[in-house]
Amino acid sequence: MPTPNPKLPLLFILSLILFPIHSCSTPTNVNTNTTAAAAAAAAHHFREAPQFYNSPDCPSITTVHDDDFDPDEEDDNNNNNHHHFMICSRQAVHVAMTLDTAYIRGSMAAILSVLQHSSCPQNVAFHFVASAAANASHLRATIASSFPYLTFQIYPFDDSHVSGLISTSIRSALDCPLNYARSYLANLLPLCVRRVVYLDSDLILVDDIAKLADIPLGDESTVLAAPEYCNANFTSYFTTTFWSNPSLSLTFADRKACYFNTGVMVIDLDRWRGGDYTAKIEEWMQLQKRMRIYELGSLPPFLLVFAGKIAPVEHRWNQHGLGGDNFRGLCRNLHPGSVSLLHWSGKGKPWARLEANRPCPLDALWAPYDLLETPFVLDS
């Protein structure tokens, strides 16, 4: 099992000061992002992860249904039949994540945790969404060097699709166009991908992801599944402008609406496409531009469309909030109950706190999955 890294040398720290890594890329700051991506490429080097193998009872993925095969799909990772079969297989577990230089360290740990605890790791296909302005070649090479056996695809996300719809929220990191890419998975991923587990980059699994992927969604009207938290103050996610307007507040009139965290979701992409839910989310974002009805980034539109209409998932699949609140990122404890997934949602990220020598107690649970190597020291 990988062990936590020692404190990074002065050379690495100086590189971050001189070339800060930006967590958000937009078409208006391409030059800045190019510099940041170059700095990240020079500063971050990850170890190769061990290879994990299927247990004997795992299904063999050798064929796909005729209606699932996409002849126009470009395979830019691995030109072999296995890759095509995996990307479109109904037997594979499909995982979607966003990918960028700012969170790449978290993404690498999340990938490792998924594979390490999977009973059929060779049957997991990853679908990464990256900003079209990002250095996709660098991201692809980073993933492939640490996981040379991994089946994955990178899909470019055009920030302009959503940048005009984003309203300023309480934390700048929440305003990144890539943070809204989860709303466009049904458009970005191939039509042959019918169900996907969406995961944020600031989490680790300690259980078999196949259990999460197989959670039943119920009737045809149910599009996604996620843990619900009905004890949370649901009214706080929307402004008084929203609640004081009957035509808006009645949105939840016939629904037992509860808060759910969008960092862990099981999504039926066929049903999403059939119901055109991306357009429904965009409609609320357009209204938000005209009258401020919420404060918190990409979450409220999901709540407006789906709260009270999702399939329940046990809370152990999203022990969220370990990054503290959105302002100070203070340490937090686990929620009561069993744990299958630890999620550092909030301002504090475990890799940043470990690097600063100010870790929270639970950050020690993330550290064994950290694949970051200290930078190479230049020969004198």
Protein backbone atom coordinates (compact mmCIF):
# COMPACT_ATOMS: atom_id res chain seq x y z
CA MET A 1 0.00 0.00 0.00
CA PRO A 2 1.42 3.45 -0.91
CA THR A 3 2.69 5.51 2.01
CA PRO A 4 2.33 9.26 2.64
CA ASN A 5 4.96 11.47 1.05
CA PRO A 6 7.43 13.55 3.07
CA LYS A 7 7.36 17.33 2.99
CA LEU A 8 8.08 18.59 -0.51
CA PRO A 9 11.42 20.28 -1.15
CA LEU A 10 11.91 24.01 -1.43
CA LEU A 11 12.28 23.83 -5.23
CA PHE A 12 8.70 22.52 -5.58
CA ILE A 13 7.28 25.10 -3.19
CA LEU A 14 9.01 27.91 -5.07
CA SER A 15 7.63 26.63 -8.38
CA LEU A 16 4.10 26.88 -6.98
CA ILE A 17 4.73 30.45 -5.80
CA LEU A 18 6.17 31.54 -9.13
CA PHE A 19 3.67 29.60 -11.26
CA PRO A 20 0.44 29.15 -9.27
CA ILE A 21 -1.88 26.38 -10.45
CA HIS A 22 -5.33 27.72 -11.29
CA SER A 23 -8.33 25.60 -10.43
CA CYS A 24 -10.56 27.15 -13.04
CA SER A 25 -10.04 27.65 -16.76
CA THR A 26 -12.10 29.87 -19.00
CA PRO A 27 -11.64 31.04 -22.59
CA THR A 28 -10.56 34.45 -21.29
CA ASN A 29 -7.42 33.29 -19.49
CA VAL A 30 -5.89 30.75 -21.84
CA ASN A 31 -2.39 32.21 -21.49
CA THR A 32 -2.54 32.00 -17.70
CA ASN A 33 -3.75 28.42 -17.86
CA THR A 34 -1.02 27.48 -20.30
CA THR A 35 1.58 28.71 -17.84
CA ALA A 36 -0.16 26.97 -14.96
CA ALA A 37 -0.43 23.70 -16.87
CA ALA A 38 3.26 23.86 -17.77
CA ALA A 39 4.18 24.49 -14.15
CA ALA A 40 2.01 21.59 -13.01
CA ALA A 41 3.53 19.30 -15.61
CA ALA A 42 7.02 20.15 -14.36
CA ALA A 43 6.14 19.94 -10.68
CA HIS A 44 3.90 16.86 -10.49
CA HIS A 45 5.28 13.39 -11.04
CA PHE A 46 3.30 10.37 -9.94
CA ARG A 47 4.38 6.85 -9.15
CA GLU A 48 3.07 3.93 -11.16
CA ALA A 49 0.28 2.25 -9.28
CA PRO A 50 0.24 -1.52 -8.82
CA GLN A 51 -1.85 -3.47 -11.29
CA PHE A 52 -5.01 -5.04 -9.92
CA TYR A 53 -6.60 -8.16 -11.37
CA ASN A 54 -10.14 -9.51 -11.59
CA SER A 55 -11.30 -12.18 -9.20
CA PRO A 56 -12.14 -15.54 -10.86
CA ASP A 57 -15.90 -14.93 -10.92
CA CYS A 58 -15.73 -11.62 -12.81
CA PRO A 59 -17.49 -11.58 -16.19
CA SER A 60 -15.25 -11.62 -19.26
CA ILE A 61 -15.83 -8.58 -21.45
CA THR A 62 -15.20 -9.70 -25.01
CA THR A 63 -18.27 -8.56 -26.94
CA VAL A 64 -20.73 -5.68 -27.02
CA HIS A 65 -24.33 -5.56 -28.16
CA ASP A 66 -24.72 -4.44 -31.77
CA ASP A 67 -26.80 -1.43 -30.72
CA ASP A 68 -24.08 -0.41 -28.28
CA PHE A 69 -21.17 -0.30 -30.71
CA ASP A 70 -20.21 3.18 -31.87
CA PRO A 71 -18.22 2.91 -35.12
CA ASP A 72 -17.47 6.63 -35.13
CA GLU A 73 -15.87 6.61 -31.69
CA GLU A 74 -12.23 7.64 -31.77
CA ASP A 75 -9.95 5.61 -29.58
CA ASP A 76 -7.06 7.92 -28.69
CA ASN A 77 -5.75 5.81 -25.80
CA ASN A 78 -5.32 2.24 -26.89
CA ASN A 79 -6.10 0.97 -30.37
CA ASN A 80 -7.31 -2.49 -29.55
CA ASN A 81 -10.62 -4.30 -29.40
CA HIS A 82 -10.60 -4.57 -25.62
CA HIS A 83 -10.69 -0.79 -25.27
CA HIS A 84 -13.69 -0.51 -27.61
CA PHE A 85 -15.49 -3.34 -25.84
CA MET A 86 -14.86 -1.80 -22.43
CA ILE A 87 -15.95 1.72 -23.37
CA CYS A 88 -19.32 0.44 -24.58
CA SER A 89 -19.83 -2.71 -22.51
CA ARG A 90 -22.96 -3.07 -20.39
CA GLN A 91 -20.99 -5.42 -18.13
CA ALA A 92 -18.34 -2.82 -17.33
CA VAL A 93 -18.61 -0.40 -14.43
CA HIS A 94 -18.48 3.05 -15.99
CA VAL A 95 -17.00 5.84 -13.86
CA ALA A 96 -17.08 9.52 -14.86
CA MET A 97 -14.84 12.18 -13.35
CA THR A 98 -13.61 15.62 -14.29
CA LEU A 99 -9.88 16.08 -14.77
CA ASP A 100 -7.68 19.16 -14.44
CA THR A 101 -4.20 20.08 -13.25
CA ALA A 102 -5.38 21.65 -9.99
CA TYR A 103 -7.11 18.50 -8.75
CA ILE A 104 -5.02 15.88 -10.56
CA ARG A 105 -3.44 14.71 -7.29
CA GLY A 106 -6.87 14.02 -5.85
CA SER A 107 -8.01 12.34 -9.06
CA MET A 108 -5.06 9.95 -9.03
CA ALA A 109 -5.82 8.93 -5.44
CA ALA A 110 -9.50 8.43 -6.28
CA ILE A 111 -8.68 6.21 -9.26
CA LEU A 112 -6.30 4.11 -7.17
CA SER A 113 -8.91 3.67 -4.44
CA VAL A 114 -11.55 2.54 -6.95
CA LEU A 115 -9.24 -0.09 -8.44
CA GLN A 116 -7.78 -1.28 -5.15
CA HIS A 117 -11.16 -2.07 -3.63
CA SER A 118 -12.90 -3.38 -6.73
CA SER A 119 -13.56 -7.10 -7.08
CA CYS A 120 -13.34 -6.70 -10.86
CA PRO A 121 -10.88 -3.81 -11.40
CA GLN A 122 -10.16 -4.80 -15.00
CA ASN A 123 -13.85 -4.30 -15.77
CA VAL A 124 -13.88 -0.64 -14.74
CA ALA A 125 -13.88 1.97 -17.53
CA PHE A 126 -13.10 5.59 -16.70
CA HIS A 127 -14.58 8.52 -18.62
CA PHE A 128 -12.69 11.74 -17.86
CA VAL A 129 -14.04 15.17 -18.80
CA ALA A 130 -11.44 17.93 -19.19
CA SER A 131 -11.71 21.53 -20.27
CA ALA A 132 -11.16 21.94 -24.00
CA ALA A 133 -8.59 24.60 -23.06
CA ALA A 134 -6.59 22.16 -20.93
CA ASN A 135 -3.47 20.33 -22.01
CA ALA A 136 -5.19 17.03 -22.78
CA SER A 137 -1.95 15.36 -23.88
CA HIS A 138 -0.37 16.06 -20.50
CA LEU A 139 -3.43 14.82 -18.62
CA ARG A 140 -3.57 11.68 -20.75
CA ALA A 141 0.13 10.98 -20.28
CA THR A 142 -0.16 11.50 -16.52
CA ILE A 143 -2.98 8.97 -16.20
CA ALA A 144 -1.36 6.46 -18.54
CA SER A 145 2.03 6.58 -16.82
CA SER A 146 0.58 5.74 -13.41
CA PHE A 147 -2.13 3.40 -14.71
CA PRO A 148 -0.76 1.90 -17.95
CA TYR A 149 -3.37 -0.87 -17.90
CA LEU A 150 -6.36 1.44 -17.33
CA THR A 151 -9.20 1.68 -19.85
CA PHE A 152 -10.09 5.35 -20.10
CA GLN A 153 -11.20 8.07 -22.45
CA ILE A 154 -10.84 11.86 -22.16
CA TYR A 155 -13.65 14.05 -23.49
CA PRO A 156 -13.12 17.78 -24.12
CA PHE A 157 -15.64 20.09 -22.49
CA ASP A 158 -16.13 23.45 -24.17
CA ASP A 159 -16.33 25.97 -21.33
CA SER A 160 -18.41 28.30 -23.50
CA HIS A 161 -21.35 25.87 -23.23
CA VAL A 162 -21.88 26.96 -19.66
CA SER A 163 -19.68 29.98 -18.86
CA GLY A 164 -22.43 32.42 -19.85
CA LEU A 165 -24.85 30.71 -17.46
CA ILE A 166 -22.65 30.71 -14.36
CA SER A 167 -23.46 33.15 -11.57
CA THR A 168 -20.92 34.12 -8.92
CA SER A 169 -21.19 31.87 -5.86
CA ILE A 170 -19.79 31.91 -2.34
CA ARG A 171 -16.46 30.30 -3.33
CA SER A 172 -14.56 30.96 -6.58
CA ALA A 173 -13.66 27.27 -7.06
CA LEU A 174 -17.36 26.53 -7.41
CA ASP A 175 -17.61 28.89 -10.40
CA CYS A 176 -15.34 26.86 -12.70
CA PRO A 177 -17.10 25.79 -15.90
CA LEU A 178 -15.69 22.30 -15.40
CA ASN A 179 -17.60 22.09 -12.12
CA TYR A 180 -20.77 22.09 -14.23
CA ALA A 181 -19.62 19.34 -16.61
CA ARG A 182 -21.58 16.73 -14.62
CA SER A 183 -24.72 18.29 -16.10
CA TYR A 184 -23.48 17.47 -19.61
CA LEU A 185 -22.32 13.87 -19.22
CA ALA A 186 -25.20 12.56 -21.31
CA ASN A 187 -24.02 14.77 -24.20
CA LEU A 188 -20.30 14.14 -23.77
CA LEU A 189 -20.14 10.38 -23.30
CA PRO A 190 -20.91 7.94 -26.13
CA LEU A 191 -24.54 6.88 -26.51
CA CYS A 192 -23.49 3.32 -25.75
CA VAL A 193 -22.69 4.35 -22.15
CA ARG A 194 -26.06 3.93 -20.50
CA ARG A 195 -25.27 4.10 -16.79
CA VAL A 196 -22.41 5.86 -15.06
CA VAL A 197 -21.14 6.47 -11.55
CA TYR A 198 -20.10 10.11 -11.25
CA LEU A 199 -17.37 10.82 -8.70
CA ASP A 200 -15.72 14.05 -7.56
CA SER A 201 -11.91 14.15 -7.41
CA ASP A 202 -11.66 14.80 -3.66
CA LEU A 203 -12.73 11.37 -2.43
CA ILE A 204 -11.59 7.80 -1.95
CA LEU A 205 -13.52 4.55 -1.97
CA VAL A 206 -12.93 1.84 0.60
CA ASP A 207 -15.53 -0.55 -0.84
CA ASP A 208 -16.32 -2.22 -4.16
CA ILE A 209 -17.66 0.35 -6.63
CA ALA A 210 -19.71 -2.36 -8.34
CA LYS A 211 -22.02 -2.32 -5.32
CA LEU A 212 -22.67 1.38 -5.88
CA ALA A 213 -23.05 1.00 -9.64
CA ASP A 214 -25.64 -1.75 -9.22
CA ILE A 215 -28.00 0.23 -6.99
CA PRO A 216 -31.50 0.00 -8.50
CA LEU A 217 -33.00 3.24 -9.72
CA GLY A 218 -36.62 2.09 -9.63
CA ASP A 219 -39.23 3.11 -12.18
CA GLU A 220 -38.54 4.76 -15.52
CA SER A 221 -39.04 8.27 -14.11
CA THR A 222 -36.04 7.97 -11.77
CA VAL A 223 -32.86 9.26 -13.39
CA LEU A 224 -30.28 9.18 -10.63
CA ALA A 225 -29.45 7.77 -7.22
CA ALA A 226 -27.52 9.43 -4.40
CA PRO A 227 -27.48 9.54 -0.60
CA GLU A 228 -30.11 11.95 0.71
CA TYR A 229 -29.76 14.04 3.88
CA CYS A 230 -33.26 15.01 4.96
CA ASN A 231 -32.07 16.43 8.27
CA ALA A 232 -30.19 19.21 6.47
CA ASN A 233 -31.84 22.64 6.30
CA PHE A 234 -33.09 22.44 2.73
CA THR A 235 -34.40 26.02 2.70
CA SER A 236 -30.86 27.37 3.19
CA TYR A 237 -29.85 26.33 -0.33
CA PHE A 238 -32.12 28.99 -1.84
CA THR A 239 -32.59 32.70 -1.26
CA THR A 240 -35.55 34.51 0.27
CA THR A 241 -36.29 35.72 -3.26
CA PHE A 242 -36.95 32.11 -4.23
CA TRP A 243 -39.04 31.14 -1.20
CA SER A 244 -41.09 34.35 -1.22
CA ASN A 245 -42.17 33.79 -4.83
CA PRO A 246 -44.99 31.21 -4.90
CA SER A 247 -44.44 30.38 -8.57
CA LEU A 248 -40.90 29.30 -7.66
CA SER A 249 -41.31 27.78 -4.21
CA LEU A 250 -44.17 25.59 -5.46
CA THR A 251 -41.53 23.72 -7.43
CA PHE A 252 -41.16 21.47 -4.38
CA ALA A 253 -44.86 21.38 -3.46
CA ASP A 254 -45.47 17.74 -4.39
CA ARG A 255 -41.99 16.46 -3.59
CA LYS A 256 -40.34 15.35 -0.36
CA ALA A 257 -37.27 17.35 -1.28
CA CYS A 258 -34.04 16.61 0.58
CA TYR A 259 -30.47 17.77 0.14
CA PHE A 260 -28.12 15.44 -1.71
CA ASN A 261 -24.47 15.90 -2.60
CA THR A 262 -23.76 15.81 -6.35
CA GLY A 263 -20.19 14.56 -5.87
CA VAL A 264 -21.37 10.94 -5.82
CA MET A 265 -24.22 9.94 -8.14
CA VAL A 266 -25.39 6.93 -10.11
CA ILE A 267 -26.93 8.27 -13.33
CA ASP A 268 -29.02 6.53 -15.97
CA LEU A 269 -27.82 8.38 -19.04
CA ASP A 270 -30.52 6.91 -21.30
CA ARG A 271 -33.23 8.32 -19.05
CA TRP A 272 -31.35 11.61 -18.73
CA ARG A 273 -31.17 11.93 -22.50
CA GLY A 274 -34.82 10.96 -22.92
CA GLY A 275 -35.94 13.61 -20.44
CA ASP A 276 -33.52 16.28 -21.73
CA TYR A 277 -32.46 17.06 -18.17
CA THR A 278 -29.49 19.16 -19.24
CA ALA A 279 -31.95 21.67 -20.71
CA LYS A 280 -33.99 21.63 -17.48
CA ILE A 281 -30.88 22.46 -15.43
CA GLU A 282 -29.92 25.22 -17.87
CA GLU A 283 -33.38 26.79 -17.54
CA TRP A 284 -32.87 27.28 -13.81
CA MET A 285 -29.38 28.68 -14.42
CA GLN A 286 -30.84 31.18 -16.88
CA LEU A 287 -33.40 32.25 -14.29
CA GLN A 288 -30.60 32.64 -11.74
CA LYS A 289 -28.93 35.15 -14.07
CA ARG A 290 -32.09 37.27 -14.02
CA MET A 291 -32.96 36.96 -10.31
CA ARG A 292 -30.70 35.49 -7.65
CA ILE A 293 -32.46 32.42 -6.30
CA TYR A 294 -29.44 30.54 -4.86
CA GLU A 295 -25.83 31.09 -3.77
CA LEU A 296 -24.00 27.78 -4.11
CA GLY A 297 -22.64 26.95 -7.58
CA SER A 298 -23.80 23.90 -9.51
CA LEU A 299 -25.67 22.15 -6.67
CA PRO A 300 -28.95 24.15 -6.50
CA PRO A 301 -29.96 23.52 -10.15
CA PHE A 302 -29.61 19.79 -9.46
CA LEU A 303 -31.77 20.13 -6.36
CA LEU A 304 -34.39 22.11 -8.27
CA VAL A 305 -34.66 19.41 -10.94
CA PHE A 306 -34.10 16.22 -8.93
CA ALA A 307 -34.62 16.73 -5.17
CA GLY A 308 -37.40 14.41 -4.00
CA LYS A 309 -37.20 12.39 -7.22
CA ILE A 310 -34.04 10.33 -6.74
CA ALA A 311 -33.42 6.75 -5.68
CA PRO A 312 -31.98 6.56 -2.16
CA VAL A 313 -28.45 5.34 -1.45
CA GLU A 314 -27.03 4.41 1.94
CA HIS A 315 -25.14 7.25 3.60
CA ARG A 316 -22.00 5.12 3.80
CA TRP A 317 -21.49 5.82 0.08
CA ASN A 318 -20.85 9.50 0.69
CA GLN A 319 -19.27 10.43 4.01
CA HIS A 320 -19.10 14.00 2.76
CA GLY A 321 -18.04 17.31 4.28
CA LEU A 322 -14.59 16.15 5.40
CA GLY A 323 -13.12 19.30 3.80
CA GLY A 324 -15.03 21.49 6.24
CA ASP A 325 -17.24 24.38 5.18
CA ASN A 326 -16.83 26.59 2.13
CA PHE A 327 -15.09 29.39 4.04
CA ARG A 328 -12.50 27.99 6.47
CA GLY A 329 -12.27 24.30 5.70
CA LEU A 330 -11.97 23.25 9.34
CA CYS A 331 -11.48 19.63 10.42
CA ARG A 332 -14.54 17.46 10.74
CA ASN A 333 -15.33 13.99 12.03
CA LEU A 334 -17.03 11.14 10.25
CA HIS A 335 -20.79 10.89 10.36
CA PRO A 336 -22.10 8.00 12.48
CA GLY A 337 -22.35 4.65 10.71
CA SER A 338 -20.34 2.51 8.33
CA VAL A 339 -18.10 3.94 5.61
CA SER A 340 -17.71 2.95 1.96
CA LEU A 341 -16.59 6.32 0.55
CA LEU A 342 -14.84 9.30 2.18
CA HIS A 343 -15.45 12.67 0.54
CA TRP A 344 -13.46 15.84 1.30
CA SER A 345 -16.13 18.20 -0.01
CA GLY A 346 -15.70 21.74 1.30
CA LYS A 347 -12.76 24.11 1.15
CA GLY A 348 -10.10 21.93 2.79
CA LYS A 349 -8.46 19.28 0.60
CA PRO A 350 -6.33 16.53 2.17
CA TRP A 351 -3.39 16.91 -0.22
CA ALA A 352 -3.19 20.66 0.43
CA ARG A 353 -3.37 20.24 4.20
CA LEU A 354 -0.77 17.44 4.20
CA GLU A 355 1.53 19.52 2.01
CA ALA A 356 1.18 22.46 4.39
CA ASN A 357 1.90 20.22 7.40
CA ARG A 358 -1.52 21.10 8.81
CA PRO A 359 -3.45 17.87 8.27
CA CYS A 360 -6.73 16.98 9.89
CA PRO A 361 -6.90 13.57 11.59
CA LEU A 362 -8.99 12.03 8.79
CA ASP A 363 -6.51 13.17 6.13
CA ALA A 364 -4.36 10.22 7.24
CA LEU A 365 -6.98 7.97 5.62
CA TRP A 366 -6.43 9.68 2.26
CA ALA A 367 -2.61 9.71 2.42
CA PRO A 368 -2.00 6.00 1.59
CA TYR A 369 -3.62 6.55 -1.82
CA ASP A 370 -1.42 9.55 -2.69
CA LEU A 371 0.73 8.67 -5.70
CA LEU A 372 2.64 11.96 -5.85
CA GLU A 373 6.42 11.66 -5.98
CA THR A 374 8.72 14.45 -4.94
CA PRO A 375 10.13 16.28 -7.99
CA PHE A 376 13.41 15.16 -9.40
CA VAL A 377 16.33 17.18 -8.12
CA LEU A 378 18.33 18.69 -10.95
CA ASP A 379 21.92 17.51 -11.21
CA SER A 380 24.36 20.20 -10.19
